[in-house]
Amino acid sequence: MTPLIGALSIQLLALLSESNTPVAWPLIFLLWIVLVGVLRKLQVTHLHHATHNRLFCSAALNKFYTKLIPSIIFVQNGSEYKKKHLAHHNADIFTTKQDADAAFLAQLGFMPGRTRKELWQTLWITVFGPAFHALFLQARLRSILVRGKSHEVTLAWVMVGLHFVFAALLGLKAYLIAVFIPMTVLYHISALLQFLTEHAWDVTGSAPSDWDAHAARCWGRFCGERYPERSGGGPIRTTRHMIQVAIWSVRMLVIHAPVRLGCLVSDLPAHDWHHLAHLAGRNSRDWPRSLYLRQAAIACGDRPGFAGRELWGISNMIEHQFRWLEYAQHTHSSSAGKALATAADQQLFVAVE
């Protein structure tokens, strides 16, 4: 269903790009979110779990998938992705400067010791600046078009040729709207927001010393906010409550739903389960049910402490990460990192409540 939804979205975007009706652009923005979510799901869900040999029952199919998808959507080639991602799961590398994601974020300016104001400014400059998108696109293309295995490179260059055919058949405007923008600019923004908020990156300068410290660098990320409570009756309070519900509805539709569909796709909200399932006596191989198993673990005593590490709303996720980075120093020990986690979490939940 995922690639079919992606193909249908591209077709509809191409049609809408030629439309002059008032609803064309709202529909284009909606389909952009859907298409970017499809592209991200192909990488961060399907490719990710195929790399862990958990997408298909057959190891051969998993290996084939890791070679196929990067060439089609122009992302890091399968061999590099597997090497760097499995290193990310190495206890001596996890979230440190040697972690590929942490290194890339540091290259963009998201480094420990900077103030939250500086980090927010860096985020806005990064998202809207051409340098980040050029750097990200260059890294993607060099990996799959130059450094990939011969069959990956061949297929990727075939896809490059097909993109020229698409541009010729659709026209430049339709191609930019239906293919290029969602595959590049929007994809990059979605990826940045996802891995920026995924873990506590490089906060102590050293790897976690035990599972408590490891767990402190993981969290669940969920989209939504508390439904407004109604206090008392009377026309004034009823009207105030209706306004609050209207604002809540708009925020759910305009902020939280797009983030869930286009950024935190599939099982990403429960990514801490992927790292900590064994602490709940489960196997992370059961990833399609991770959202439910995570909640079941909370109901059964919550040994991994999932309930205490839930971030709600993309702004809280980013703010939480920036608090980590603001107070982190490279000289901190792992125990200091755990103390930092506690302090940051206390500030976070005050803001959420």
Protein backbone atom coordinates (compact mmCIF):
# COMPACT_ATOMS: atom_id res chain seq x y z
CA MET A 1 0.00 0.00 0.00
CA THR A 2 2.81 2.43 0.82
CA PRO A 3 4.34 2.67 -2.70
CA LEU A 4 0.85 2.71 -4.26
CA ILE A 5 -0.15 5.68 -2.08
CA GLY A 6 3.10 7.38 -3.09
CA ALA A 7 2.48 6.82 -6.81
CA LEU A 8 -1.11 8.06 -6.52
CA SER A 9 0.05 11.16 -4.64
CA ILE A 10 2.55 12.00 -7.40
CA GLN A 11 -0.15 11.60 -10.06
CA LEU A 12 -2.59 13.84 -8.18
CA LEU A 13 0.11 16.44 -7.53
CA ALA A 14 0.94 16.55 -11.23
CA LEU A 15 -2.74 17.14 -12.06
CA LEU A 16 -3.18 19.79 -9.37
CA SER A 17 -0.05 21.64 -10.51
CA GLU A 18 -1.94 22.60 -13.69
CA SER A 19 -5.11 23.60 -11.84
CA ASN A 20 -6.13 27.20 -11.20
CA THR A 21 -8.92 26.41 -8.72
CA PRO A 22 -8.78 27.96 -5.20
CA VAL A 23 -8.49 24.53 -3.53
CA ALA A 24 -5.49 23.45 -5.61
CA TRP A 25 -2.73 24.69 -3.28
CA PRO A 26 -4.33 23.44 -0.04
CA LEU A 27 -4.64 20.01 -1.67
CA ILE A 28 -1.04 20.23 -2.89
CA PHE A 29 0.19 20.94 0.65
CA LEU A 30 -1.86 18.01 1.97
CA LEU A 31 -0.50 15.64 -0.69
CA TRP A 32 3.04 16.87 -0.05
CA ILE A 33 2.67 15.77 3.58
CA VAL A 34 1.34 12.36 2.49
CA LEU A 35 4.07 11.84 -0.12
CA VAL A 36 6.90 12.89 2.18
CA GLY A 37 5.49 10.52 4.80
CA VAL A 38 5.56 7.70 2.24
CA LEU A 39 9.17 8.44 1.29
CA ARG A 40 10.26 8.65 4.92
CA LYS A 41 8.39 5.45 5.77
CA LEU A 42 10.25 3.62 3.01
CA GLN A 43 13.52 4.58 4.70
CA VAL A 44 12.97 4.90 8.46
CA THR A 45 10.52 2.01 8.74
CA HIS A 46 10.94 -0.45 5.88
CA LEU A 47 14.64 0.04 5.15
CA HIS A 48 15.43 0.38 8.85
CA HIS A 49 13.79 -2.91 9.84
CA ALA A 50 15.07 -4.70 6.73
CA THR A 51 18.56 -3.70 7.87
CA HIS A 52 17.78 -5.38 11.20
CA ASN A 53 16.55 -8.40 9.17
CA ARG A 54 13.03 -7.88 10.54
CA LEU A 55 10.90 -6.63 7.65
CA PHE A 56 10.46 -9.98 5.88
CA CYS A 57 10.77 -13.52 7.21
CA SER A 58 13.37 -14.19 4.52
CA ALA A 59 16.88 -12.85 5.09
CA ALA A 60 17.39 -12.78 1.31
CA LEU A 61 14.34 -10.54 0.85
CA ASN A 62 15.52 -8.20 3.59
CA LYS A 63 18.94 -7.93 1.93
CA PHE A 64 17.35 -7.35 -1.49
CA TYR A 65 15.16 -4.58 -0.06
CA THR A 66 18.15 -2.78 1.47
CA LYS A 67 19.76 -2.71 -1.98
CA LEU A 68 16.62 -1.71 -3.88
CA ILE A 69 14.99 1.15 -1.95
CA PRO A 70 18.05 3.47 -1.60
CA SER A 71 18.49 3.49 -5.39
CA ILE A 72 14.84 4.37 -5.99
CA ILE A 73 14.49 7.24 -3.51
CA PHE A 74 18.17 8.39 -3.58
CA VAL A 75 19.21 7.87 0.02
CA GLN A 76 22.34 6.45 1.63
CA ASN A 77 23.34 3.19 -0.05
CA GLY A 78 22.45 -0.03 1.76
CA SER A 79 25.96 -1.00 2.82
CA GLU A 80 26.78 2.40 4.35
CA TYR A 81 23.40 2.65 6.02
CA LYS A 82 23.75 -0.79 7.59
CA LYS A 83 27.28 -0.11 8.82
CA LYS A 84 26.43 3.26 10.37
CA HIS A 85 23.08 2.21 11.78
CA LEU A 86 24.39 -0.94 13.45
CA ALA A 87 27.22 1.21 14.86
CA HIS A 88 24.49 3.46 16.29
CA HIS A 89 23.29 0.40 18.26
CA ASN A 90 26.82 -0.25 19.53
CA ALA A 91 26.87 0.60 23.25
CA ASP A 92 30.28 2.29 22.87
CA ILE A 93 29.04 4.60 20.10
CA PHE A 94 25.36 5.20 20.87
CA THR A 95 24.59 8.97 20.75
CA THR A 96 28.27 9.97 21.08
CA LYS A 97 30.36 12.05 18.68
CA GLN A 98 31.14 8.83 16.80
CA ASP A 99 27.45 8.29 16.07
CA ALA A 100 26.78 9.29 12.43
CA ASP A 101 23.57 11.18 13.22
CA ALA A 102 25.18 13.11 16.08
CA ALA A 103 28.11 13.98 13.82
CA PHE A 104 25.80 15.28 11.10
CA LEU A 105 23.83 17.38 13.59
CA ALA A 106 27.09 18.82 14.96
CA GLN A 107 28.09 19.71 11.40
CA LEU A 108 24.85 21.69 11.11
CA GLY A 109 25.55 23.52 14.39
CA PHE A 110 23.48 21.50 16.89
CA MET A 111 26.27 21.08 19.42
CA PRO A 112 26.41 20.81 23.23
CA GLY A 113 26.96 24.00 25.19
CA ARG A 114 25.03 26.35 22.87
CA THR A 115 22.05 28.24 24.28
CA ARG A 116 18.50 27.35 23.38
CA LYS A 117 18.11 30.70 21.62
CA GLU A 118 21.15 29.96 19.45
CA LEU A 119 19.89 26.45 18.73
CA TRP A 120 16.44 27.68 17.70
CA GLN A 121 18.04 30.27 15.42
CA THR A 122 20.23 27.54 13.93
CA LEU A 123 17.16 25.39 13.30
CA TRP A 124 15.29 28.14 11.43
CA ILE A 125 18.38 29.10 9.42
CA THR A 126 18.98 25.44 8.58
CA VAL A 127 15.42 24.69 7.50
CA PHE A 128 15.06 27.78 5.30
CA GLY A 129 18.67 28.09 4.13
CA PRO A 130 19.83 26.52 0.85
CA ALA A 131 23.15 25.35 2.33
CA PHE A 132 21.56 22.57 4.40
CA HIS A 133 19.47 21.27 1.50
CA ALA A 134 22.44 21.34 -0.86
CA LEU A 135 24.61 19.52 1.71
CA PHE A 136 21.95 16.89 2.40
CA LEU A 137 21.18 16.30 -1.28
CA GLN A 138 24.87 16.07 -2.13
CA ALA A 139 25.41 13.50 0.62
CA ARG A 140 22.47 11.42 -0.62
CA LEU A 141 23.53 11.47 -4.26
CA ARG A 142 27.22 10.80 -3.61
CA SER A 143 26.36 7.81 -1.46
CA ILE A 144 24.03 6.10 -3.92
CA LEU A 145 25.44 7.31 -7.27
CA VAL A 146 29.16 7.07 -6.49
CA ARG A 147 29.92 4.92 -3.44
CA GLY A 148 27.20 2.26 -3.76
CA LYS A 149 27.67 -1.28 -4.99
CA SER A 150 27.71 -1.63 -8.77
CA HIS A 151 24.09 -2.83 -9.03
CA GLU A 152 22.92 -0.04 -6.69
CA VAL A 153 24.75 2.60 -8.71
CA THR A 154 23.41 1.22 -12.00
CA LEU A 155 19.81 1.25 -10.78
CA ALA A 156 20.23 4.73 -9.29
CA TRP A 157 21.51 6.12 -12.59
CA VAL A 158 18.57 4.47 -14.37
CA MET A 159 16.31 6.32 -11.91
CA VAL A 160 18.13 9.58 -12.74
CA GLY A 161 17.31 8.98 -16.39
CA LEU A 162 13.68 8.30 -15.51
CA HIS A 163 13.52 11.61 -13.64
CA PHE A 164 14.57 13.42 -16.81
CA VAL A 165 11.84 11.51 -18.66
CA PHE A 166 9.29 12.50 -15.99
CA ALA A 167 10.35 16.15 -16.27
CA ALA A 168 9.97 16.03 -20.06
CA LEU A 169 6.57 14.32 -19.95
CA LEU A 170 5.07 16.25 -17.05
CA GLY A 171 6.61 19.63 -17.74
CA LEU A 172 9.01 21.44 -15.44
CA LYS A 173 6.36 22.98 -13.17
CA ALA A 174 4.51 19.69 -12.63
CA TYR A 175 7.78 17.81 -12.08
CA LEU A 176 8.99 20.30 -9.47
CA ILE A 177 5.71 20.19 -7.55
CA ALA A 178 4.97 16.47 -7.87
CA VAL A 179 8.47 15.00 -7.54
CA PHE A 180 11.42 17.29 -6.90
CA ILE A 181 10.18 19.42 -3.97
CA PRO A 182 8.81 16.52 -1.88
CA MET A 183 11.84 14.34 -2.63
CA THR A 184 14.36 17.02 -1.66
CA VAL A 185 13.40 20.11 0.35
CA LEU A 186 10.42 18.63 2.22
CA TYR A 187 12.17 15.28 2.69
CA HIS A 188 15.18 17.04 4.22
CA ILE A 189 13.04 19.05 6.65
CA SER A 190 11.16 15.93 7.75
CA ALA A 191 14.40 13.99 8.22
CA LEU A 192 16.03 16.81 10.19
CA LEU A 193 13.11 17.17 12.61
CA GLN A 194 12.97 13.40 13.05
CA PHE A 195 16.58 12.66 13.91
CA LEU A 196 17.08 15.96 15.75
CA THR A 197 14.47 14.82 18.29
CA GLU A 198 15.19 11.07 18.21
CA HIS A 199 17.78 10.79 21.01
CA ALA A 200 19.86 12.90 23.37
CA TRP A 201 22.79 13.44 21.01
CA ASP A 202 26.37 13.81 22.29
CA VAL A 203 25.29 15.19 25.64
CA THR A 204 28.09 13.85 27.82
CA GLY A 205 30.94 13.18 25.42
CA SER A 206 30.95 9.50 26.44
CA ALA A 207 28.85 6.43 25.84
CA PRO A 208 26.20 5.41 28.41
CA SER A 209 27.75 3.26 31.13
CA ASP A 210 24.66 1.13 31.90
CA TRP A 211 21.09 0.58 30.76
CA ASP A 212 19.74 3.36 32.96
CA ALA A 213 22.03 5.84 31.24
CA HIS A 214 21.15 4.27 27.89
CA ALA A 215 17.42 4.63 28.59
CA ALA A 216 17.90 8.26 29.63
CA ARG A 217 18.93 9.04 26.04
CA CYS A 218 15.76 7.51 24.56
CA TRP A 219 12.18 8.77 24.63
CA GLY A 220 8.77 8.33 23.08
CA ARG A 221 7.54 11.11 20.78
CA PHE A 222 3.81 11.53 20.34
CA CYS A 223 1.59 13.92 18.40
CA GLY A 224 -1.34 15.55 20.17
CA GLU A 225 -2.29 17.56 23.20
CA ARG A 226 -4.77 17.34 26.06
CA TYR A 227 -8.43 17.99 25.26
CA PRO A 228 -9.60 21.20 27.02
CA GLU A 229 -11.37 20.53 30.28
CA ARG A 230 -14.67 22.24 30.98
CA SER A 231 -14.99 23.89 34.37
CA GLY A 232 -18.50 24.73 35.53
CA GLY A 233 -21.55 25.87 33.56
CA GLY A 234 -23.01 29.14 32.46
CA PRO A 235 -22.93 30.83 29.03
CA ILE A 236 -19.56 32.55 29.53
CA ARG A 237 -17.73 29.38 30.56
CA THR A 238 -19.51 27.41 27.84
CA THR A 239 -18.42 29.93 25.21
CA ARG A 240 -14.86 29.95 26.53
CA HIS A 241 -14.78 26.16 26.42
CA MET A 242 -16.09 26.11 22.83
CA ILE A 243 -13.32 28.53 21.81
CA GLN A 244 -10.72 26.36 23.54
CA VAL A 245 -12.06 23.26 21.76
CA ALA A 246 -11.95 25.09 18.42
CA ILE A 247 -8.32 26.10 19.00
CA TRP A 248 -7.48 22.56 20.10
CA SER A 249 -9.10 21.15 16.93
CA VAL A 250 -7.16 23.50 14.68
CA ARG A 251 -3.86 22.63 16.39
CA MET A 252 -4.59 18.91 16.10
CA LEU A 253 -5.32 19.25 12.36
CA VAL A 254 -2.73 21.86 11.39
CA ILE A 255 0.23 20.92 13.63
CA HIS A 256 -0.02 17.45 15.12
CA ALA A 257 -1.61 15.53 12.23
CA PRO A 258 0.93 16.76 9.61
CA VAL A 259 3.85 15.87 11.90
CA ARG A 260 2.43 12.37 12.44
CA LEU A 261 1.76 11.83 8.72
CA GLY A 262 4.88 13.45 7.28
CA CYS A 263 7.59 13.18 9.94
CA LEU A 264 7.02 10.77 12.84
CA VAL A 265 5.68 8.03 10.60
CA SER A 266 4.77 4.43 11.39
CA ASP A 267 6.46 3.14 14.59
CA LEU A 268 8.72 6.18 15.14
CA PRO A 269 6.71 7.53 18.10
CA ALA A 270 7.70 4.39 20.02
CA HIS A 271 11.33 4.43 18.94
CA ASP A 272 12.43 4.06 22.56
CA TRP A 273 10.76 0.63 22.45
CA HIS A 274 13.14 -0.32 19.60
CA HIS A 275 16.09 0.23 21.96
CA LEU A 276 14.59 -0.87 25.29
CA ALA A 277 12.05 -3.63 24.56
CA HIS A 278 14.23 -6.25 26.28
CA LEU A 279 13.91 -4.33 29.57
CA ALA A 280 10.18 -5.04 29.39
CA GLY A 281 10.81 -8.73 28.70
CA ARG A 282 9.83 -8.37 25.02
CA ASN A 283 11.61 -8.63 21.68
CA SER A 284 12.00 -5.53 19.52
CA ARG A 285 11.53 -7.84 16.53
CA ASP A 286 7.80 -7.40 17.17
CA TRP A 287 8.05 -3.80 15.92
CA PRO A 288 4.66 -3.62 14.09
CA ARG A 289 2.95 -3.79 17.50
CA SER A 290 5.44 -1.57 19.31
CA LEU A 291 2.97 1.24 20.03
CA TYR A 292 0.64 -1.19 21.78
CA LEU A 293 3.34 -3.24 23.48
CA ARG A 294 4.91 -0.06 24.85
CA GLN A 295 1.61 0.91 26.45
CA ALA A 296 1.14 -2.65 27.74
CA ALA A 297 4.58 -2.45 29.36
CA ILE A 298 3.52 0.74 31.14
CA ALA A 299 0.36 -0.98 32.41
CA CYS A 300 2.40 -3.95 33.66
CA GLY A 301 4.72 -2.05 35.98
CA ASP A 302 6.77 -0.06 33.46
CA ARG A 303 10.22 -1.38 34.36
CA PRO A 304 11.87 0.53 31.46
CA GLY A 305 10.22 3.80 32.62
CA PHE A 306 8.45 4.51 29.32
CA ALA A 307 5.73 6.66 30.92
CA GLY A 308 8.30 9.04 32.37
CA ARG A 309 9.88 9.71 28.98
CA GLU A 310 7.02 10.80 26.75
CA LEU A 311 7.29 14.00 24.71
CA TRP A 312 4.06 15.41 23.27
CA GLY A 313 4.09 17.83 20.35
CA ILE A 314 6.95 18.67 18.00
CA SER A 315 7.76 21.96 19.74
CA ASN A 316 8.20 20.18 23.09
CA MET A 317 10.37 17.55 21.42
CA ILE A 318 12.69 20.18 19.96
CA GLU A 319 12.73 22.22 23.17
CA HIS A 320 13.61 19.10 25.17
CA GLN A 321 16.53 18.34 22.86
CA PHE A 322 17.78 21.91 23.07
CA ARG A 323 17.65 21.79 26.87
CA TRP A 324 19.85 18.72 26.75
CA LEU A 325 22.35 20.44 24.48
CA GLU A 326 22.30 23.73 26.39
CA TYR A 327 23.30 22.15 29.68
CA ALA A 328 25.54 19.40 28.31
CA GLN A 329 29.33 19.59 28.49
CA HIS A 330 31.82 17.26 26.86
CA THR A 331 33.45 16.62 30.21
CA HIS A 332 30.30 15.20 31.83
CA SER A 333 30.41 11.61 32.97
CA SER A 334 27.60 9.15 32.26
CA SER A 335 26.26 9.62 35.79
CA ALA A 336 26.18 13.35 35.19
CA GLY A 337 24.29 12.60 32.00
CA LYS A 338 21.62 10.81 34.00
CA ALA A 339 21.35 13.77 36.35
CA LEU A 340 21.05 16.04 33.34
CA ALA A 341 18.22 13.86 32.00
CA THR A 342 16.33 14.21 35.27
CA ALA A 343 16.72 18.01 35.35
CA ALA A 344 15.70 18.39 31.71
CA ASP A 345 12.69 16.11 32.12
CA GLN A 346 11.49 18.06 35.14
CA GLN A 347 11.59 21.28 33.12
CA LEU A 348 9.88 19.58 30.17
CA PHE A 349 6.91 18.19 32.05
CA VAL A 350 6.32 21.52 33.76
CA ALA A 351 6.03 23.03 30.28
CA VAL A 352 3.77 20.22 29.01
CA GLU A 353 1.38 20.31 31.95
